[in-house]
């Protein structure tokens, strides 16, 4: 598939609203799924927010603590990934 055809398909996907969007788990900004390359545990995000002095709420269940959370490129810099 040549580059121009691939670009046209990507434009059509965005135009039709078929492209999935998610929030970065740290900054909470919405991105296309392809723009969230990083992944870290929920507990790591809670610890960083606690260090920053941001309220983290009550402690979730143990299974939630180790749930995979997705990060944007900018937020990846705060972790040694």
C-alpha atoms as a PDB file:
ATOM      1  CA  UNK A   1       0.000   0.000   0.000  1.00  0.00           C
ATOM      2  CA  UNK A   2       1.520   3.313  -1.017  1.00  0.00           C
ATOM      3  CA  UNK A   3       1.813   6.247   1.394  1.00  0.00           C
ATOM      4  CA  UNK A   4      -0.891   8.435  -0.186  1.00  0.00           C
ATOM      5  CA  UNK A   5      -3.489   5.632  -0.020  1.00  0.00           C
ATOM      6  CA  UNK A   6      -2.622   4.963   3.624  1.00  0.00           C
ATOM      7  CA  UNK A   7      -2.967   8.686   4.411  1.00  0.00           C
ATOM      8  CA  UNK A   8      -6.402   8.775   2.716  1.00  0.00           C
ATOM      9  CA  UNK A   9      -7.584   5.801   4.790  1.00  0.00           C
ATOM     10  CA  UNK A  10      -6.381   7.471   7.998  1.00  0.00           C
ATOM     11  CA  UNK A  11      -8.200  10.703   7.080  1.00  0.00           C
ATOM     12  CA  UNK A  12     -11.404   8.781   6.355  1.00  0.00           C
ATOM     13  CA  UNK A  13     -11.152   6.975   9.682  1.00  0.00           C
ATOM     14  CA  UNK A  14     -10.830  10.257  11.579  1.00  0.00           C
ATOM     15  CA  UNK A  15     -13.600  11.916   9.554  1.00  0.00           C
ATOM     16  CA  UNK A  16     -16.022   9.055  10.172  1.00  0.00           C
ATOM     17  CA  UNK A  17     -15.301   9.039  13.906  1.00  0.00           C
ATOM     18  CA  UNK A  18     -13.965   5.496  13.841  1.00  0.00           C
ATOM     19  CA  UNK A  19     -10.672   6.351  15.482  1.00  0.00           C
ATOM     20  CA  UNK A  20     -10.641   5.477  19.174  1.00  0.00           C
ATOM     21  CA  UNK A  21      -9.588   8.073  21.716  1.00  0.00           C
ATOM     22  CA  UNK A  22      -8.455   7.548  25.309  1.00  0.00           C
ATOM     23  CA  UNK A  23      -7.136   9.665  28.148  1.00  0.00           C
ATOM     24  CA  UNK A  24      -3.549   9.560  29.305  1.00  0.00           C
ATOM     25  CA  UNK A  25      -3.664   8.117  32.824  1.00  0.00           C
ATOM     26  CA  UNK A  26      -1.388  10.820  34.256  1.00  0.00           C
ATOM     27  CA  UNK A  27      -2.206  14.130  32.544  1.00  0.00           C
ATOM     28  CA  UNK A  28      -5.801  13.110  31.681  1.00  0.00           C
ATOM     29  CA  UNK A  29      -5.583  14.689  28.210  1.00  0.00           C
ATOM     30  CA  UNK A  30      -7.437  12.870  25.427  1.00  0.00           C
ATOM     31  CA  UNK A  31      -5.366  11.354  22.610  1.00  0.00           C
ATOM     32  CA  UNK A  32      -5.824   8.952  19.726  1.00  0.00           C
ATOM     33  CA  UNK A  33      -5.030   5.432  20.908  1.00  0.00           C
ATOM     34  CA  UNK A  34      -1.938   5.285  18.674  1.00  0.00           C
ATOM     35  CA  UNK A  35      -0.516   8.319  20.506  1.00  0.00           C
ATOM     36  CA  UNK A  36      -0.405   6.531  23.876  1.00  0.00           C
ATOM     37  CA  UNK A  37       2.728   4.394  23.526  1.00  0.00           C
ATOM     38  CA  UNK A  38       3.624   4.141  27.212  1.00  0.00           C
ATOM     39  CA  UNK A  39       2.232   1.776  29.830  1.00  0.00           C
ATOM     40  CA  UNK A  40       2.714   1.686  33.601  1.00  0.00           C
ATOM     41  CA  UNK A  41       0.900   0.304  36.635  1.00  0.00           C
ATOM     42  CA  UNK A  42      -1.880   2.287  38.291  1.00  0.00           C
ATOM     43  CA  UNK A  43       0.092   2.168  41.553  1.00  0.00           C
ATOM     44  CA  UNK A  44       3.051   3.982  39.951  1.00  0.00           C
ATOM     45  CA  UNK A  45       0.761   6.807  38.860  1.00  0.00           C
ATOM     46  CA  UNK A  46      -0.745   7.027  42.372  1.00  0.00           C
ATOM     47  CA  UNK A  47       2.748   7.221  43.914  1.00  0.00           C
ATOM     48  CA  UNK A  48       3.869   9.999  41.557  1.00  0.00           C
ATOM     49  CA  UNK A  49       0.714  12.010  42.206  1.00  0.00           C
ATOM     50  CA  UNK A  50       1.228  11.536  45.957  1.00  0.00           C
ATOM     51  CA  UNK A  51       4.816  12.859  45.638  1.00  0.00           C
ATOM     52  CA  UNK A  52       3.477  15.870  43.745  1.00  0.00           C
ATOM     53  CA  UNK A  53       0.965  16.549  46.527  1.00  0.00           C
ATOM     54  CA  UNK A  54      -2.090  15.804  44.423  1.00  0.00           C
ATOM     55  CA  UNK A  55      -4.956  14.072  46.241  1.00  0.00           C
ATOM     56  CA  UNK A  56      -5.152  10.416  45.260  1.00  0.00           C
ATOM     57  CA  UNK A  57      -8.315   9.412  47.147  1.00  0.00           C
ATOM     58  CA  UNK A  58      -8.842   6.132  48.929  1.00  0.00           C
ATOM     59  CA  UNK A  59      -6.712   3.128  48.087  1.00  0.00           C
ATOM     60  CA  UNK A  60      -8.285   0.914  45.407  1.00  0.00           C
ATOM     61  CA  UNK A  61      -8.399  -2.881  45.435  1.00  0.00           C
ATOM     62  CA  UNK A  62      -5.077  -4.722  44.949  1.00  0.00           C
ATOM     63  CA  UNK A  63      -6.060  -5.852  41.465  1.00  0.00           C
ATOM     64  CA  UNK A  64      -6.649  -2.204  40.434  1.00  0.00           C
ATOM     65  CA  UNK A  65      -3.215  -1.177  41.770  1.00  0.00           C
ATOM     66  CA  UNK A  66      -1.467  -3.341  39.178  1.00  0.00           C
ATOM     67  CA  UNK A  67      -3.796  -2.575  36.291  1.00  0.00           C
ATOM     68  CA  UNK A  68      -2.052  -1.401  33.114  1.00  0.00           C
ATOM     69  CA  UNK A  69      -2.509   2.319  32.445  1.00  0.00           C
ATOM     70  CA  UNK A  70      -1.567   4.040  29.185  1.00  0.00           C
ATOM     71  CA  UNK A  71       0.610   7.162  28.990  1.00  0.00           C
ATOM     72  CA  UNK A  72       1.283   9.826  26.379  1.00  0.00           C
ATOM     73  CA  UNK A  73       4.834  10.543  25.222  1.00  0.00           C
ATOM     74  CA  UNK A  74       5.110  13.633  27.422  1.00  0.00           C
ATOM     75  CA  UNK A  75       4.136  11.812  30.626  1.00  0.00           C
ATOM     76  CA  UNK A  76       6.500   8.911  29.893  1.00  0.00           C
ATOM     77  CA  UNK A  77       9.409  11.183  30.832  1.00  0.00           C
ATOM     78  CA  UNK A  78       8.379  11.055  34.510  1.00  0.00           C
ATOM     79  CA  UNK A  79       8.989   7.303  34.702  1.00  0.00           C
ATOM     80  CA  UNK A  80      12.027   5.114  34.071  1.00  0.00           C
ATOM     81  CA  UNK A  81      10.377   3.050  31.368  1.00  0.00           C
END
